[in-house]
Protein backbone atom coordinates (compact mmCIF):
# COMPACT_ATOMS: atom_id res chain seq x y z
CA UNK A 1 101.47 75.21 104.51
CA UNK A 2 103.17 77.90 105.98
CA UNK A 3 103.60 78.00 110.13
CA UNK A 4 100.26 79.63 111.61
CA UNK A 5 102.45 81.64 113.62
CA UNK A 6 103.61 84.16 110.58
CA UNK A 7 100.18 85.40 110.41
CA UNK A 8 99.92 85.88 113.87
CA UNK A 9 102.59 89.21 113.31
CA UNK A 10 102.22 92.81 113.41
CA UNK A 11 104.22 96.00 113.04
CA UNK A 12 102.66 97.86 115.90
CA UNK A 13 100.21 95.76 117.58
CA UNK A 14 99.30 98.79 120.21
CA UNK A 15 99.39 100.61 117.38
CA UNK A 16 97.15 98.54 115.39
CA UNK A 17 94.38 97.44 117.74
CA UNK A 18 93.45 100.56 119.30
CA UNK A 19 90.23 101.59 119.97
CA UNK A 20 88.42 103.30 116.74
CA UNK A 21 87.43 106.69 118.55
CA UNK A 22 91.27 107.03 119.65
CA UNK A 23 92.23 106.08 116.37
CA UNK A 24 89.92 108.76 114.54
CA UNK A 25 90.97 111.37 117.02
CA UNK A 26 94.62 111.41 116.11
CA UNK A 27 94.13 111.09 112.07
CA UNK A 28 92.06 114.03 112.36
CA UNK A 29 94.68 116.22 114.43
CA UNK A 30 97.16 114.64 111.58
CA UNK A 31 94.69 116.02 108.37
CA UNK A 32 94.37 119.06 109.76
CA UNK A 33 97.83 119.91 110.15
CA UNK A 34 98.35 118.37 106.44
CA UNK A 35 95.64 120.79 105.07
CA UNK A 36 96.60 123.50 107.14
CA UNK A 37 100.99 122.88 105.42
CA UNK A 38 99.12 122.34 102.68
CA UNK A 39 97.46 125.29 102.00
CA UNK A 40 100.32 127.99 103.45
CA UNK A 41 103.32 125.99 101.67
CA UNK A 42 101.30 124.31 98.22
CA UNK A 43 100.93 126.52 95.00
CA UNK A 44 98.60 123.47 93.62
CA UNK A 45 96.32 123.84 96.54
CA UNK A 46 96.16 127.72 97.42
CA UNK A 47 94.61 127.44 93.65
CA UNK A 48 92.39 124.13 93.83
CA UNK A 49 91.14 126.04 97.57
CA UNK A 50 90.74 129.23 95.98
CA UNK A 51 89.29 127.86 92.75
CA UNK A 52 86.28 125.84 94.73
CA UNK A 53 85.39 128.81 96.68
CA UNK A 54 86.69 126.75 100.22
CA UNK A 55 88.70 128.48 102.78
CA UNK A 56 90.81 125.89 104.35
CA UNK A 57 90.31 127.43 108.09
CA UNK A 58 86.55 126.39 107.71
CA UNK A 59 87.48 122.79 108.02
CA UNK A 60 87.58 121.68 112.10
CA UNK A 61 87.75 118.05 110.88
CA UNK A 62 86.85 114.75 109.54
CA UNK A 63 83.18 115.24 108.75
CA UNK A 64 84.35 117.99 106.22
CA UNK A 65 86.09 115.66 104.44
CA UNK A 66 83.83 115.74 102.26
CA UNK A 67 83.73 120.08 101.99
CA UNK A 68 87.61 119.31 99.60
CA UNK A 69 87.19 118.93 96.04
CA UNK A 70 88.35 115.47 95.00
CA UNK A 71 91.35 115.42 92.79
CA UNK A 72 91.73 113.04 89.83
CA UNK A 73 94.94 111.66 88.06
CA UNK A 74 93.52 113.82 85.15
CA UNK A 75 94.32 116.56 87.34
CA UNK A 76 97.60 115.83 88.59
CA UNK A 77 98.88 115.59 84.81
CA UNK A 78 97.96 118.65 83.81
CA UNK A 79 99.48 120.28 86.48
CA UNK A 80 102.62 118.88 86.09
CA UNK A 81 103.11 119.78 82.75
CA UNK A 82 102.14 123.07 83.44
CA UNK A 83 104.26 123.68 86.55
CA UNK A 84 106.59 121.55 86.02
CA UNK A 85 107.73 118.07 87.10
CA UNK A 86 105.32 118.15 90.36
CA UNK A 87 102.58 120.19 89.95
CA UNK A 88 103.22 122.92 92.90
CA UNK A 89 101.52 120.14 95.16
CA UNK A 90 104.94 120.16 96.76
CA UNK A 91 105.28 122.29 100.51
CA UNK A 92 109.42 122.60 100.02
CA UNK A 93 111.65 123.48 97.09
CA UNK A 94 111.80 120.55 94.61
CA UNK A 95 115.26 120.62 94.07
CA UNK A 96 115.32 119.03 98.05
CA UNK A 97 113.83 115.50 97.65
CA UNK A 98 116.56 113.00 96.73
CA UNK A 99 114.62 110.95 94.66
CA UNK A 100 112.81 111.85 90.66
CA UNK A 101 110.94 108.71 90.12
CA UNK A 102 109.12 108.32 86.68
CA UNK A 103 105.68 106.44 86.32
CA UNK A 104 103.73 105.58 83.31
CA UNK A 105 102.74 108.40 80.87
CA UNK A 106 105.49 110.58 82.56
CA UNK A 107 104.40 111.61 85.69
CA UNK A 108 107.12 112.77 87.89
CA UNK A 109 106.86 111.40 91.99
CA UNK A 110 109.22 112.96 94.09
CA UNK A 111 110.79 110.29 96.76
CA UNK A 112 112.48 111.07 100.07
CA UNK A 113 115.06 109.30 102.12
CA UNK A 114 114.49 107.91 104.83
CA UNK A 115 110.75 106.01 103.92
CA UNK A 116 108.60 107.06 106.86
CA UNK A 117 105.31 105.42 106.11
CA UNK A 118 104.79 102.31 106.91
CA UNK A 119 101.99 101.73 105.41
CA UNK A 120 103.30 98.85 103.79
CA UNK A 121 105.29 97.69 105.89
CA UNK A 122 101.82 97.02 108.34
CA UNK A 123 100.97 94.97 104.88
CA UNK A 124 104.25 92.89 103.95
CA UNK A 125 103.24 91.80 108.43
CA UNK A 126 99.58 91.26 107.75
CA UNK A 127 100.99 88.74 105.05
CA UNK A 128 103.51 86.50 106.98
CA UNK A 129 106.66 88.28 106.11
CA UNK A 130 108.63 87.72 109.20
CA UNK A 131 112.46 89.56 110.70
CA UNK A 132 115.24 87.33 109.14
CA UNK A 133 112.83 86.24 106.20
CA UNK A 134 115.13 86.71 102.65
CA UNK A 135 112.24 88.39 100.74
CA UNK A 136 112.72 88.22 96.48
CA UNK A 137 111.51 91.27 95.73
CA UNK A 138 109.89 90.93 91.77
CA UNK A 139 108.47 94.40 91.22
CA UNK A 140 110.49 96.97 88.83
CA UNK A 141 113.40 98.62 90.03
CA UNK A 142 113.69 100.99 87.01
CA UNK A 143 112.15 104.31 87.16
CA UNK A 144 108.99 103.86 89.64
CA UNK A 145 108.79 104.09 92.92
CA UNK A 146 107.27 100.63 93.70
CA UNK A 147 109.73 98.29 94.28
CA UNK A 148 111.44 101.08 95.92
CA UNK A 149 108.69 102.06 98.88
CA UNK A 150 108.53 97.96 99.55
CA UNK A 151 112.05 97.43 99.50
CA UNK A 152 112.42 99.99 102.47
CA UNK A 153 109.03 99.17 103.73
CA UNK A 154 110.98 94.78 104.34
CA UNK A 155 113.40 97.08 105.68
CA UNK A 156 111.42 98.20 108.00
CA UNK A 157 111.00 94.69 109.48
CA UNK A 158 114.05 93.13 110.04
CA UNK A 159 113.68 91.22 106.45
CA UNK A 160 116.15 90.87 103.77
CA UNK A 161 115.66 91.87 100.18
CA UNK A 162 116.79 90.03 97.04
CA UNK A 163 115.80 93.07 94.31
CA UNK A 164 115.00 90.91 91.78
CA UNK A 165 112.68 92.30 89.14
CA UNK A 166 110.74 91.50 86.79
CA UNK A 167 110.89 88.64 84.03
CA UNK A 168 113.70 86.11 83.57
CA UNK A 169 111.98 83.67 85.54
CA UNK A 170 114.55 80.77 85.21
CA UNK A 171 117.13 82.54 86.95
CA UNK A 172 114.95 83.67 89.34
CA UNK A 173 113.88 79.86 90.25
CA UNK A 174 117.23 79.16 91.12
CA UNK A 175 118.09 82.18 92.75
CA UNK A 176 115.65 81.24 95.15
CA UNK A 177 116.84 77.99 95.34
CA UNK A 178 120.56 79.38 95.91
CA UNK A 179 119.54 81.51 98.52
CA UNK A 180 117.45 80.03 100.82
CA UNK A 181 114.10 82.46 99.39
CA UNK A 182 111.52 82.26 102.61
CA UNK A 183 108.75 85.15 100.96
CA UNK A 184 108.11 86.79 97.65
CA UNK A 185 106.65 90.30 96.77
CA UNK A 186 105.50 90.84 93.19
CA UNK A 187 102.52 90.32 91.38
CA UNK A 188 100.27 87.03 91.65
CA UNK A 189 100.57 86.33 87.37
CA UNK A 190 104.19 86.14 87.49
CA UNK A 191 104.62 84.28 91.44
CA UNK A 192 102.21 81.76 88.94
CA UNK A 193 105.16 81.61 86.51
CA UNK A 194 107.75 81.14 88.77
CA UNK A 195 105.69 78.05 89.77
CA UNK A 196 105.74 76.82 86.84
CA UNK A 197 108.88 77.44 85.54
CA UNK A 198 110.47 75.57 88.07
CA UNK A 199 107.83 73.03 87.34
CA UNK A 200 109.38 72.72 84.11
CA UNK A 201 112.66 72.37 85.60
CA UNK A 202 111.53 68.88 86.75
CA UNK A 203 110.84 70.99 90.07
CA UNK A 204 108.60 70.31 92.78
CA UNK A 205 106.85 74.24 93.99
CA UNK A 206 106.21 73.53 97.24
CA UNK A 207 109.07 71.02 98.22
CA UNK A 208 112.03 72.89 95.96
CA UNK A 209 111.28 77.01 96.31
CA UNK A 210 110.68 76.80 99.85
CA UNK A 211 108.29 79.51 100.06
CA UNK A 212 107.24 79.91 102.89
CA UNK A 213 105.38 83.70 102.49
CA UNK A 214 103.67 85.71 99.56
CA UNK A 215 102.65 88.95 99.45
CA UNK A 216 100.80 89.74 96.23
CA UNK A 217 99.75 93.29 94.38
CA UNK A 218 99.69 95.38 91.61
CA UNK A 219 96.57 92.99 89.80
CA UNK A 220 93.65 91.23 90.42
CA UNK A 221 94.15 88.59 92.93
CA UNK A 222 90.73 86.30 91.34
CA UNK A 223 89.95 83.47 94.05
CA UNK A 224 90.41 80.69 91.29
CA UNK A 225 94.18 81.74 90.99
CA UNK A 226 95.06 82.45 94.60
CA UNK A 227 93.92 79.11 94.99
CA UNK A 228 96.26 77.38 92.20
CA UNK A 229 98.43 79.11 93.86
CA UNK A 230 98.10 77.97 97.44
CA UNK A 231 97.91 74.50 96.60
CA UNK A 232 100.59 74.83 94.32
CA UNK A 233 103.06 75.97 96.13
CA UNK A 234 102.22 74.82 99.70
CA UNK A 235 101.53 78.60 100.97
CA UNK A 236 98.85 81.08 101.63
CA UNK A 237 99.08 83.64 99.69
CA UNK A 238 97.70 87.65 101.05
CA UNK A 239 97.38 90.48 98.63
CA UNK A 240 98.04 93.87 99.10
CA UNK A 241 96.36 97.42 97.59
CA UNK A 242 97.21 100.76 97.24
CA UNK A 243 99.28 103.36 94.57
CA UNK A 244 102.66 104.66 94.66
CA UNK A 245 101.11 108.55 95.40
CA UNK A 246 98.74 107.14 98.61
CA UNK A 247 100.61 104.53 100.04
CA UNK A 248 99.24 101.28 100.61
CA UNK A 249 95.36 101.26 101.60
CA UNK A 250 94.63 97.61 102.54
CA UNK A 251 96.09 94.71 103.46
CA UNK A 252 94.92 90.96 104.00
CA UNK A 253 95.43 89.45 107.31
CA UNK A 254 95.61 85.58 108.11
CA UNK A 255 91.82 85.84 108.12
CA UNK A 256 91.68 86.93 104.55
CA UNK A 257 88.26 88.05 105.33
CA UNK A 258 88.78 92.39 103.46
CA UNK A 259 91.69 94.75 103.21
CA UNK A 260 92.61 96.09 106.57
CA UNK A 261 93.47 99.94 106.50
CA UNK A 262 96.90 100.70 107.66
CA UNK A 263 97.34 102.56 110.66
CA UNK A 264 97.60 106.42 109.51
CA UNK A 265 96.03 106.22 106.67
CA UNK A 266 92.85 108.45 105.81
CA UNK A 267 90.91 106.21 103.52
CA UNK A 268 87.04 106.92 102.24
CA UNK A 269 84.46 105.08 100.22
CA UNK A 270 82.36 107.66 98.28
CA UNK A 271 79.41 108.35 96.29
CA UNK A 272 81.20 109.36 92.15
CA UNK A 273 79.16 111.99 91.99
CA UNK A 274 78.47 114.09 95.11
CA UNK A 275 81.31 113.07 97.09
CA UNK A 276 79.89 111.92 100.23
CA UNK A 277 80.60 109.35 102.62
CA UNK A 278 78.84 105.40 101.38
CA UNK A 279 77.99 103.34 104.26
CA UNK A 280 78.61 100.50 105.20
CA UNK A 281 77.72 97.57 102.00
CA UNK A 282 77.31 99.84 99.32
CA UNK A 283 79.65 100.33 96.54
CA UNK A 284 81.07 103.76 95.53
CA UNK A 285 84.95 105.40 94.89
CA UNK A 286 87.78 104.68 96.87
CA UNK A 287 89.67 108.00 97.61
CA UNK A 288 92.58 108.41 99.92
CA UNK A 289 94.83 111.16 100.98
CA UNK A 290 98.76 110.56 101.92
CA UNK A 291 99.56 112.89 104.82
CA UNK A 292 102.74 113.12 103.58
CA UNK A 293 103.61 116.98 104.85
CA UNK A 294 106.54 117.06 101.83
CA UNK A 295 104.30 116.16 98.96
CA UNK A 296 100.50 115.83 100.29
CA UNK A 297 97.89 114.79 98.20
CA UNK A 298 94.44 115.34 99.86
CA UNK A 299 91.38 113.61 98.30
CA UNK A 300 93.49 111.45 95.42
CA UNK A 301 90.58 109.90 93.68
CA UNK A 302 92.29 105.70 93.08
CA UNK A 303 89.17 104.67 90.07
CA UNK A 304 88.69 101.88 92.30
CA UNK A 305 85.10 100.79 93.42
CA UNK A 306 84.59 98.89 97.30
CA UNK A 307 82.50 99.08 99.93
CA UNK A 308 83.06 98.83 103.93
CA UNK A 309 83.56 95.74 105.17
CA UNK A 310 81.05 95.11 108.90
CA UNK A 311 81.94 93.52 111.98
CA UNK A 312 85.18 92.87 113.14
CA UNK A 313 88.08 90.74 112.26
CA UNK A 314 89.16 87.76 114.39
CA UNK A 315 92.88 89.28 113.95
CA UNK A 316 92.55 91.09 116.38
CA UNK A 317 92.80 94.58 114.54
CA UNK A 318 90.53 97.25 115.49
CA UNK A 319 90.72 99.71 112.20
CA UNK A 320 88.18 99.89 109.34
CA UNK A 321 88.32 97.09 106.41
CA UNK A 322 87.65 97.58 103.11
CA UNK A 323 85.73 94.52 100.98
CA UNK A 324 87.77 93.92 98.08
CA UNK A 325 88.37 96.23 95.19
CA UNK A 326 84.55 95.27 92.96
CA UNK A 327 87.19 97.12 89.15
CA UNK A 328 87.11 100.71 88.18
CA UNK A 329 84.97 103.44 87.68
CA UNK A 330 86.81 104.78 84.83
CA UNK A 331 88.02 103.21 81.60
CA UNK A 332 91.64 102.95 83.01
CA UNK A 333 92.60 99.47 83.39
CA UNK A 334 95.50 97.81 85.17
CA UNK A 335 97.88 95.64 83.07
CA UNK A 336 100.94 93.77 84.62
CA UNK A 337 100.52 96.20 87.88
CA UNK A 338 100.45 99.26 85.36
CA UNK A 339 97.82 101.54 84.95
CA UNK A 340 96.91 102.72 81.17
CA UNK A 341 94.89 105.46 80.52
CA UNK A 342 93.00 106.28 77.73
CA UNK A 343 94.77 109.24 77.05
CA UNK A 344 97.83 107.54 77.37
CA UNK A 345 96.91 105.69 74.61
CA UNK A 346 95.81 108.97 72.39
CA UNK A 347 99.47 110.06 73.04
CA UNK A 348 101.29 107.41 72.28
CA UNK A 349 99.03 107.66 68.28
CA UNK A 350 98.95 111.41 68.70
CA UNK A 351 102.30 111.88 66.23
CA UNK A 352 101.05 109.44 63.80
CA UNK A 353 99.24 110.95 60.70
CA UNK A 354 98.78 107.56 59.37
CA UNK A 355 96.63 106.02 61.34
CA UNK A 356 93.13 106.69 61.33
CA UNK A 357 91.46 105.01 64.41
CA UNK A 358 92.97 102.72 67.34
CA UNK A 359 91.15 100.47 70.44
CA UNK A 360 93.51 98.32 73.20
CA UNK A 361 92.12 95.42 74.44
CA UNK A 362 92.45 93.32 77.43
CA UNK A 363 92.65 89.96 77.69
CA UNK A 364 93.73 86.77 79.81
CA UNK A 365 95.82 84.20 79.17
CA UNK A 366 97.25 81.45 80.87
CA UNK A 367 96.67 83.68 84.13
CA UNK A 368 98.56 86.77 82.28
CA UNK A 369 97.42 89.55 81.25
CA UNK A 370 97.56 90.65 77.30
CA UNK A 371 97.58 93.57 75.95
CA UNK A 372 96.74 94.21 72.40
CA UNK A 373 96.42 97.63 70.42
CA UNK A 374 94.11 97.16 66.98
CA UNK A 375 94.63 100.25 64.97
CA UNK A 376 93.56 101.31 61.37
CA UNK A 377 95.16 102.69 58.55
CA UNK A 378 94.13 105.51 56.70
CA UNK A 379 95.40 103.22 53.71
CA UNK A 380 95.21 99.23 54.28
CA UNK A 381 98.63 98.55 54.37
CA UNK A 382 101.10 100.78 54.64
CA UNK A 383 104.15 100.77 56.85
CA UNK A 384 103.71 97.44 57.32
CA UNK A 385 105.65 95.43 58.93
CA UNK A 386 108.28 98.14 60.00
CA UNK A 387 105.06 100.50 60.92
CA UNK A 388 104.14 97.51 63.62
CA UNK A 389 107.45 97.08 65.09
CA UNK A 390 107.93 101.18 65.62
CA UNK A 391 104.38 100.91 66.66
CA UNK A 392 105.05 98.26 69.72
CA UNK A 393 108.10 100.30 70.62
CA UNK A 394 106.40 103.04 70.74
CA UNK A 395 103.79 101.40 73.35
CA UNK A 396 106.22 99.79 75.17
CA UNK A 397 108.50 102.76 76.10
CA UNK A 398 104.87 104.59 76.89
CA UNK A 399 103.34 103.11 78.61
CA UNK A 400 106.08 101.27 80.51
CA UNK A 401 103.76 98.19 80.19
CA UNK A 402 104.92 95.18 77.47
CA UNK A 403 101.92 95.09 74.29
CA UNK A 404 101.28 94.16 70.65
CA UNK A 405 99.89 96.20 67.88
CA UNK A 406 97.47 94.52 65.32
CA UNK A 407 97.16 96.48 62.44
CA UNK A 408 93.75 95.79 61.51
CA UNK A 409 91.45 96.24 58.21
CA UNK A 410 88.82 99.61 57.91
CA UNK A 411 85.73 98.96 59.57
CA UNK A 412 87.51 96.29 62.25
CA UNK A 413 86.60 99.14 65.11
CA UNK A 414 82.91 100.07 65.31
CA UNK A 415 82.62 103.75 66.02
CA UNK A 416 82.24 105.74 69.17
CA UNK A 417 84.70 102.67 70.13
CA UNK A 418 85.90 102.69 74.00
CA UNK A 419 89.63 103.21 74.12
CA UNK A 420 90.12 100.82 75.57
CA UNK A 421 88.09 97.35 76.38
CA UNK A 422 89.15 94.99 79.42
CA UNK A 423 88.20 91.64 78.50
CA UNK A 424 89.40 89.61 81.58
CA UNK A 425 86.76 87.89 83.35
CA UNK A 426 87.52 87.48 87.10
CA UNK A 427 85.44 85.02 88.25
């Protein structure tokens, strides 16, 4: 296994090991500052608070969090359609942002430089990435923000990034060997793909790839897959959890005993119905707030289920920990690192009058996610292979993830069916 000293590092040890009471005091002050700013400068939050009958001045601290409405991704989408591009959540002119990222489903996100959020940098350090490491970042740099966030975070800790992006495993194995890459960023399934490609090239992944650390994310990491990766590559594989709108919300350290909430992150586990806090050990909806003064996200629901861990972690970090991600609360699923929502499936087929019924299914094949959309037509045989080809392309273009359309006979898809069926087994 990689040197233990890799997993002894903190991004900011003093901040990550302070007493919890001191941490909460600083977090509460920051939250109140951002709430006041959003109430004064954001059109969206003024409307949201007015509709909820909330006076932000009555919110005195973190104990009052549950009085704020929970924001859903569908709310964000609808507000962006009504008030493009950012939905009125921004607190400064939209033209002032350095970038506009395009998330799947045409969900816009402002980008700014330099990056001030350190949550992902904390996760990289917790996962064993060191200053001076040459890191292969296999997340996509095209349109989406995630790869850029990790790229900037690696820069914060003094690591050097190779922006590999997704795909072309043969080329990326050669890059790793020629450049002496020591750390990996990407999905666990693509890491397994690289290991398998190396074996197909006659290489020993543990000896010839030279990896010493891997921080994976954007997919579930079943323990069976973690064990296979660690045995094949001879390294510790640690995961980071979060969203592009909220930052990193949890990461594993050397102990892998839950997901440490990064310093400065405001994360809740709440009852999905009431929005009230859940006690440790009781499952609930993960809700988080991004305290970015330019584009705050206050109490945004992730759609993920988790619970708080109890006890302390031997690594020395004193903040709260999520046990693990238990699954999704709605029908949305994550496919190869990208969320796929039922409304996105609807959008793909909305302008196709020949389509009668459709249902997406997600499965696992050789440690890879596979998305198949079953489609019934009003008239069987209508369109043929050319229609399938066009639907395949439209599905990929809109969702941002590769999927395959399967034209099926009438009656295949049951009535009152779910739009997305997840057939994956996560141990």
